[in-house]
Amino acid sequence: MIKLNNISYNINNKKIIKNISLEIGTYGTTIFMGKNGAGKTTLLKIIANILRPTSGSVKYSNNNIKCESSFLFQNHIFLDRSVKENLLHSLSCSNDYSFDSSINIIKDSLDQFDLLKYLSANINELSLGEKQCISIIRSLITKPKILFLDEPFNYLDQKYKTFSKDILKKFSKNHKIVLITHSNSDASFFSDDIFTISDGSLL
């Protein structure tokens, strides 16, 4: 589905990503691991078509990758509104759902995470772990073909971490997930394609 050909990315004449070539398949989970500053997030953004590489090319089998993908950033990005309004905004961007069906999807998703009580709460009233759960819900509810996740299990207690991993693994059977993690156990849980990045290069 995605082919990287000799990708490099420079910032202020410093090469952050160094001549990476890689093919990413249609289904399952592709995982990138590495130390802080290794270039994982930069590479993920290039694959997701958020950043353009300085050199090399990224080719997609489907030209609508931005319309059919979802990106979970490492830092929470929300509107200063209720949980419901944040999730409604995500669904409204896809133009595939009526208001009533969107509300039902949101309620079902929150209930699945035992967070339905926060439907009308302002997002900023939630804890970091609860916000992370909302971020995961928001990334999933539009049913993207490709899901890009940057450290999705940050701030989660063991209960929500286990639950989220199970949901994502099930999702990956019919969709593509590209995921960054520092955890060997999290990577081995998905155990599809695992790549290590060091100093901007694939090992």
C-alpha atoms as a PDB file:
ATOM      1  CA  MET A   1       0.000   0.000   0.000  1.00  0.00           C
ATOM      2  CA  ILE A   2       2.834   2.440   0.834  1.00  0.00           C
ATOM      3  CA  LYS A   3       6.311   2.380  -0.699  1.00  0.00           C
ATOM      4  CA  LEU A   4       9.173   4.546   0.588  1.00  0.00           C
ATOM      5  CA  ASN A   5      12.041   4.968  -1.850  1.00  0.00           C
ATOM      6  CA  ASN A   6      15.305   6.339  -0.439  1.00  0.00           C
ATOM      7  CA  ILE A   7      13.609   8.818   1.919  1.00  0.00           C
ATOM      8  CA  SER A   8      15.644  11.526   3.652  1.00  0.00           C
ATOM      9  CA  TYR A   9      14.525  14.495   5.723  1.00  0.00           C
ATOM     10  CA  ASN A  10      16.707  17.444   6.755  1.00  0.00           C
ATOM     11  CA  ILE A  11      16.213  20.212   9.309  1.00  0.00           C
ATOM     12  CA  ASN A  12      18.730  23.081   9.285  1.00  0.00           C
ATOM     13  CA  ASN A  13      21.122  20.974   7.198  1.00  0.00           C
ATOM     14  CA  LYS A  14      20.938  18.148   9.740  1.00  0.00           C
ATOM     15  CA  LYS A  15      19.733  14.815   8.312  1.00  0.00           C
ATOM     16  CA  ILE A  16      16.968  13.524  10.578  1.00  0.00           C
ATOM     17  CA  ILE A  17      15.929  10.634   8.307  1.00  0.00           C
ATOM     18  CA  LYS A  18      18.650   8.942   6.271  1.00  0.00           C
ATOM     19  CA  ASN A  19      17.937   7.133   3.017  1.00  0.00           C
ATOM     20  CA  ILE A  20      15.146   4.834   4.179  1.00  0.00           C
ATOM     21  CA  SER A  21      13.487   2.474   1.701  1.00  0.00           C
ATOM     22  CA  LEU A  22      10.576   0.369   2.860  1.00  0.00           C
ATOM     23  CA  GLU A  23       7.332  -1.234   1.723  1.00  0.00           C
ATOM     24  CA  ILE A  24       4.330  -1.249   4.062  1.00  0.00           C
ATOM     25  CA  GLY A  25       1.539  -3.735   3.390  1.00  0.00           C
ATOM     26  CA  THR A  26      -2.214  -3.311   3.361  1.00  0.00           C
ATOM     27  CA  TYR A  27      -3.168  -5.037   6.619  1.00  0.00           C
ATOM     28  CA  GLY A  28      -1.677  -5.796  10.004  1.00  0.00           C
ATOM     29  CA  THR A  29       0.578  -3.663  12.172  1.00  0.00           C
ATOM     30  CA  THR A  30       3.917  -2.108  11.234  1.00  0.00           C
ATOM     31  CA  ILE A  31       5.853  -0.980  14.304  1.00  0.00           C
ATOM     32  CA  PHE A  32       8.754   1.441  14.621  1.00  0.00           C
ATOM     33  CA  MET A  33      10.918   1.356  17.727  1.00  0.00           C
ATOM     34  CA  GLY A  34      13.956   3.338  18.824  1.00  0.00           C
ATOM     35  CA  LYS A  35      15.350   5.732  21.401  1.00  0.00           C
ATOM     36  CA  ASN A  36      14.153   9.304  21.832  1.00  0.00           C
ATOM     37  CA  GLY A  37      15.407  11.457  18.973  1.00  0.00           C
ATOM     38  CA  ALA A  38      15.930   8.482  16.659  1.00  0.00           C
ATOM     39  CA  GLY A  39      13.548   9.957  14.056  1.00  0.00           C
ATOM     40  CA  LYS A  40      10.485   7.755  14.629  1.00  0.00           C
ATOM     41  CA  THR A  41       7.875  10.525  14.748  1.00  0.00           C
ATOM     42  CA  THR A  42       9.370  12.329  11.765  1.00  0.00           C
ATOM     43  CA  LEU A  43       9.285   9.135   9.723  1.00  0.00           C
ATOM     44  CA  LEU A  44       5.695   8.427  10.802  1.00  0.00           C
ATOM     45  CA  LYS A  45       4.628  11.903   9.652  1.00  0.00           C
ATOM     46  CA  ILE A  46       6.359  11.386   6.308  1.00  0.00           C
ATOM     47  CA  ILE A  47       4.595   8.057   5.819  1.00  0.00           C
ATOM     48  CA  ALA A  48       1.285   9.716   6.747  1.00  0.00           C
ATOM     49  CA  ASN A  49       1.903  12.499   4.200  1.00  0.00           C
ATOM     50  CA  ILE A  50       2.002  15.185   6.923  1.00  0.00           C
ATOM     51  CA  LEU A  51       5.642  16.025   6.134  1.00  0.00           C
ATOM     52  CA  ARG A  52       7.295  15.971   2.724  1.00  0.00           C
ATOM     53  CA  PRO A  53      10.669  14.258   2.541  1.00  0.00           C
ATOM     54  CA  THR A  54      13.650  16.385   1.584  1.00  0.00           C
ATOM     55  CA  SER A  55      14.564  13.741  -0.963  1.00  0.00           C
ATOM     56  CA  GLY A  56      13.196  10.419  -2.115  1.00  0.00           C
ATOM     57  CA  SER A  57       9.563   9.523  -2.746  1.00  0.00           C
ATOM     58  CA  VAL A  58       6.530   8.110  -0.971  1.00  0.00           C
ATOM     59  CA  LYS A  59       4.059   6.267  -3.190  1.00  0.00           C
ATOM     60  CA  TYR A  60       0.584   5.175  -2.134  1.00  0.00           C
ATOM     61  CA  SER A  61      -1.608   2.629  -3.848  1.00  0.00           C
ATOM     62  CA  ASN A  62      -4.548   4.904  -2.979  1.00  0.00           C
ATOM     63  CA  ASN A  63      -4.194   8.639  -3.609  1.00  0.00           C
ATOM     64  CA  ASN A  64      -6.810   9.425  -0.939  1.00  0.00           C
ATOM     65  CA  ILE A  65      -4.548   8.459   1.958  1.00  0.00           C
ATOM     66  CA  LYS A  66      -5.264  11.663   3.913  1.00  0.00           C
ATOM     67  CA  CYS A  67      -9.015  11.154   3.544  1.00  0.00           C
ATOM     68  CA  GLU A  68      -8.849   7.495   4.523  1.00  0.00           C
ATOM     69  CA  SER A  69      -6.359   7.682   7.383  1.00  0.00           C
ATOM     70  CA  SER A  70      -6.287   8.874  10.973  1.00  0.00           C
ATOM     71  CA  PHE A  71      -3.299  10.118  12.989  1.00  0.00           C
ATOM     72  CA  LEU A  72      -2.984   9.966  16.774  1.00  0.00           C
ATOM     73  CA  PHE A  73      -0.349  12.483  17.874  1.00  0.00           C
ATOM     74  CA  GLN A  74       1.822  11.919  20.921  1.00  0.00           C
ATOM     75  CA  ASN A  75       0.546  15.143  22.505  1.00  0.00           C
ATOM     76  CA  HIS A  76      -3.196  15.580  22.968  1.00  0.00           C
ATOM     77  CA  ILE A  77      -4.835  17.963  20.494  1.00  0.00           C
ATOM     78  CA  PHE A  78      -8.463  18.783  21.253  1.00  0.00           C
ATOM     79  CA  LEU A  79     -10.991  21.548  20.779  1.00  0.00           C
ATOM     80  CA  ASP A  80     -11.862  23.336  24.039  1.00  0.00           C
ATOM     81  CA  ARG A  81     -15.293  21.746  23.971  1.00  0.00           C
ATOM     82  CA  SER A  82     -17.130  18.716  25.284  1.00  0.00           C
ATOM     83  CA  VAL A  83     -16.063  15.150  24.615  1.00  0.00           C
ATOM     84  CA  LYS A  84     -19.151  14.735  22.424  1.00  0.00           C
ATOM     85  CA  GLU A  85     -18.331  17.817  20.341  1.00  0.00           C
ATOM     86  CA  ASN A  86     -14.728  16.722  19.822  1.00  0.00           C
ATOM     87  CA  LEU A  87     -15.842  13.319  18.568  1.00  0.00           C
ATOM     88  CA  LEU A  88     -18.646  14.828  16.484  1.00  0.00           C
ATOM     89  CA  HIS A  89     -16.081  17.072  14.806  1.00  0.00           C
ATOM     90  CA  SER A  90     -14.053  14.041  13.786  1.00  0.00           C
ATOM     91  CA  LEU A  91     -17.072  12.244  12.353  1.00  0.00           C
ATOM     92  CA  SER A  92     -18.378  15.350  10.582  1.00  0.00           C
ATOM     93  CA  CYS A  93     -15.091  15.654   8.673  1.00  0.00           C
ATOM     94  CA  SER A  94     -15.808  12.343   6.947  1.00  0.00           C
ATOM     95  CA  ASN A  95     -19.283  13.391   5.732  1.00  0.00           C
ATOM     96  CA  ASP A  96     -20.412   9.769   5.972  1.00  0.00           C
ATOM     97  CA  TYR A  97     -22.631   9.972   9.054  1.00  0.00           C
ATOM     98  CA  SER A  98     -25.884  11.693   9.975  1.00  0.00           C
ATOM     99  CA  PHE A  99     -26.085  13.524  13.291  1.00  0.00           C
ATOM    100  CA  ASP A 100     -28.183  10.786  14.894  1.00  0.00           C
ATOM    101  CA  SER A 101     -25.935   7.963  13.715  1.00  0.00           C
ATOM    102  CA  SER A 102     -22.866   9.947  14.850  1.00  0.00           C
ATOM    103  CA  ILE A 103     -24.292  10.332  18.359  1.00  0.00           C
ATOM    104  CA  ASN A 104     -25.021   6.597  18.525  1.00  0.00           C
ATOM    105  CA  ILE A 105     -21.488   5.754  17.372  1.00  0.00           C
ATOM    106  CA  ILE A 106     -20.003   8.115  19.961  1.00  0.00           C
ATOM    107  CA  LYS A 107     -22.135   6.741  22.802  1.00  0.00           C
ATOM    108  CA  ASP A 108     -21.333   3.143  21.886  1.00  0.00           C
ATOM    109  CA  SER A 109     -17.599   3.905  21.670  1.00  0.00           C
ATOM    110  CA  LEU A 110     -17.505   5.733  25.000  1.00  0.00           C
ATOM    111  CA  ASP A 111     -19.536   2.988  26.647  1.00  0.00           C
ATOM    112  CA  GLN A 112     -17.056   0.421  25.350  1.00  0.00           C
ATOM    113  CA  PHE A 113     -14.318   2.255  27.256  1.00  0.00           C
ATOM    114  CA  ASP A 114     -16.596   2.835  30.277  1.00  0.00           C
ATOM    115  CA  LEU A 115     -16.393   6.593  29.638  1.00  0.00           C
ATOM    116  CA  LEU A 116     -19.992   7.353  28.665  1.00  0.00           C
ATOM    117  CA  LYS A 117     -20.397   9.466  31.814  1.00  0.00           C
ATOM    118  CA  TYR A 118     -18.020  12.012  30.226  1.00  0.00           C
ATOM    119  CA  LEU A 119     -20.147  12.513  27.091  1.00  0.00           C
ATOM    120  CA  SER A 120     -21.047  16.114  27.951  1.00  0.00           C
ATOM    121  CA  ALA A 121     -17.950  16.942  30.015  1.00  0.00           C
ATOM    122  CA  ASN A 122     -15.405  19.439  28.750  1.00  0.00           C
ATOM    123  CA  ILE A 123     -12.422  17.517  27.423  1.00  0.00           C
ATOM    124  CA  ASN A 124     -10.071  19.517  29.664  1.00  0.00           C
ATOM    125  CA  GLU A 125     -11.782  18.154  32.779  1.00  0.00           C
ATOM    126  CA  LEU A 126     -10.510  14.661  32.010  1.00  0.00           C
ATOM    127  CA  SER A 127      -7.292  13.083  33.258  1.00  0.00           C
ATOM    128  CA  LEU A 128      -4.386  12.414  30.888  1.00  0.00           C
ATOM    129  CA  GLY A 129      -5.292   8.738  30.742  1.00  0.00           C
ATOM    130  CA  GLU A 130      -8.931   9.504  29.965  1.00  0.00           C
ATOM    131  CA  LYS A 131      -7.878  11.961  27.258  1.00  0.00           C
ATOM    132  CA  GLN A 132      -5.669   9.262  25.758  1.00  0.00           C
ATOM    133  CA  CYS A 133      -8.662   6.932  25.603  1.00  0.00           C
ATOM    134  CA  ILE A 134     -10.679   9.658  23.858  1.00  0.00           C
ATOM    135  CA  SER A 135      -7.795  10.104  21.395  1.00  0.00           C
ATOM    136  CA  ILE A 136      -7.881   6.390  20.595  1.00  0.00           C
ATOM    137  CA  ILE A 137     -11.673   6.462  20.214  1.00  0.00           C
ATOM    138  CA  ARG A 138     -11.445   9.500  17.940  1.00  0.00           C
ATOM    139  CA  SER A 139      -8.865   7.794  15.743  1.00  0.00           C
ATOM    140  CA  LEU A 140     -11.026   4.679  15.370  1.00  0.00           C
ATOM    141  CA  ILE A 141     -14.590   5.933  14.972  1.00  0.00           C
ATOM    142  CA  THR A 142     -14.204   6.981  11.328  1.00  0.00           C
ATOM    143  CA  LYS A 143     -12.950   3.453  10.519  1.00  0.00           C
ATOM    144  CA  PRO A 144      -9.869   4.637   8.592  1.00  0.00           C
ATOM    145  CA  LYS A 145      -8.100   2.279   6.220  1.00  0.00           C
ATOM    146  CA  ILE A 146      -4.772   3.359   7.735  1.00  0.00           C
ATOM    147  CA  LEU A 147      -4.257   4.312  11.379  1.00  0.00           C
ATOM    148  CA  PHE A 148      -1.049   6.121  12.391  1.00  0.00           C
ATOM    149  CA  LEU A 149      -0.347   5.973  16.135  1.00  0.00           C
ATOM    150  CA  ASP A 150       2.468   7.798  17.939  1.00  0.00           C
ATOM    151  CA  GLU A 151       2.934   6.202  21.386  1.00  0.00           C
ATOM    152  CA  PRO A 152      -0.796   5.388  21.756  1.00  0.00           C
ATOM    153  CA  PHE A 153      -0.449   3.743  25.174  1.00  0.00           C
ATOM    154  CA  ASN A 154       1.028   6.749  26.983  1.00  0.00           C
ATOM    155  CA  TYR A 155      -0.771   7.649  30.236  1.00  0.00           C
ATOM    156  CA  LEU A 156      -2.932   4.496  30.208  1.00  0.00           C
ATOM    157  CA  ASP A 157      -3.240   2.316  33.289  1.00  0.00           C
ATOM    158  CA  GLN A 158      -2.903  -1.431  32.798  1.00  0.00           C
ATOM    159  CA  LYS A 159      -6.651  -1.968  32.390  1.00  0.00           C
ATOM    160  CA  TYR A 160      -7.033   0.533  29.559  1.00  0.00           C
ATOM    161  CA  LYS A 161      -3.718  -0.402  28.005  1.00  0.00           C
ATOM    162  CA  THR A 162      -4.728  -4.063  27.727  1.00  0.00           C
ATOM    163  CA  PHE A 163      -8.185  -3.144  26.456  1.00  0.00           C
ATOM    164  CA  SER A 164      -6.813  -0.706  23.859  1.00  0.00           C
ATOM    165  CA  LYS A 165      -4.238  -3.196  22.590  1.00  0.00           C
ATOM    166  CA  ASP A 166      -6.929  -5.836  22.129  1.00  0.00           C
ATOM    167  CA  ILE A 167      -9.154  -3.425  20.188  1.00  0.00           C
ATOM    168  CA  LEU A 168      -6.284  -2.278  17.959  1.00  0.00           C
ATOM    169  CA  LYS A 169      -5.131  -5.822  17.247  1.00  0.00           C
ATOM    170  CA  LYS A 170      -8.648  -6.759  16.174  1.00  0.00           C
ATOM    171  CA  PHE A 171      -8.857  -3.589  14.056  1.00  0.00           C
ATOM    172  CA  SER A 172      -5.580  -4.432  12.304  1.00  0.00           C
ATOM    173  CA  LYS A 173      -6.973  -7.658  10.865  1.00  0.00           C
ATOM    174  CA  ASN A 174      -8.926  -5.678   8.246  1.00  0.00           C
ATOM    175  CA  HIS A 175      -7.073  -2.345   8.343  1.00  0.00           C
ATOM    176  CA  LYS A 176      -3.506  -1.053   8.488  1.00  0.00           C
ATOM    177  CA  ILE A 177      -1.873   0.279  11.640  1.00  0.00           C
ATOM    178  CA  VAL A 178       1.520   2.004  11.688  1.00  0.00           C
ATOM    179  CA  LEU A 179       2.580   2.410  15.298  1.00  0.00           C
ATOM    180  CA  ILE A 180       5.445   3.880  17.330  1.00  0.00           C
ATOM    181  CA  THR A 181       6.268   2.391  20.715  1.00  0.00           C
ATOM    182  CA  HIS A 182       9.211   2.167  23.123  1.00  0.00           C
ATOM    183  CA  SER A 183       7.911  -1.060  24.636  1.00  0.00           C
ATOM    184  CA  ASN A 184       9.240  -4.431  23.514  1.00  0.00           C
ATOM    185  CA  SER A 185       6.233  -6.188  25.064  1.00  0.00           C
ATOM    186  CA  ASP A 186       3.790  -3.921  23.218  1.00  0.00           C
ATOM    187  CA  ALA A 187       5.639  -4.518  19.952  1.00  0.00           C
ATOM    188  CA  SER A 188       5.722  -8.297  20.407  1.00  0.00           C
ATOM    189  CA  PHE A 189       1.994  -8.283  21.219  1.00  0.00           C
ATOM    190  CA  PHE A 190       1.251  -7.201  17.642  1.00  0.00           C
ATOM    191  CA  SER A 191       4.291  -9.032  16.202  1.00  0.00           C
ATOM    192  CA  ASP A 192       3.770  -8.289  12.508  1.00  0.00           C
ATOM    193  CA  ASP A 193       6.485  -6.026  11.068  1.00  0.00           C
ATOM    194  CA  ILE A 194       8.842  -4.520  13.656  1.00  0.00           C
ATOM    195  CA  PHE A 195      11.577  -2.072  12.636  1.00  0.00           C
ATOM    196  CA  THR A 196      14.162  -0.336  14.795  1.00  0.00           C
ATOM    197  CA  ILE A 197      15.313   3.200  13.965  1.00  0.00           C
ATOM    198  CA  SER A 198      18.637   4.529  15.187  1.00  0.00           C
ATOM    199  CA  ASP A 199      19.959   7.976  14.320  1.00  0.00           C
ATOM    200  CA  GLY A 200      17.529   8.301  11.418  1.00  0.00           C
ATOM    201  CA  SER A 201      18.322   4.955   9.805  1.00  0.00           C
ATOM    202  CA  LEU A 202      16.629   1.572   9.832  1.00  0.00           C
ATOM    203  CA  LEU A 203      18.711  -1.120  11.522  1.00  0.00           C
END
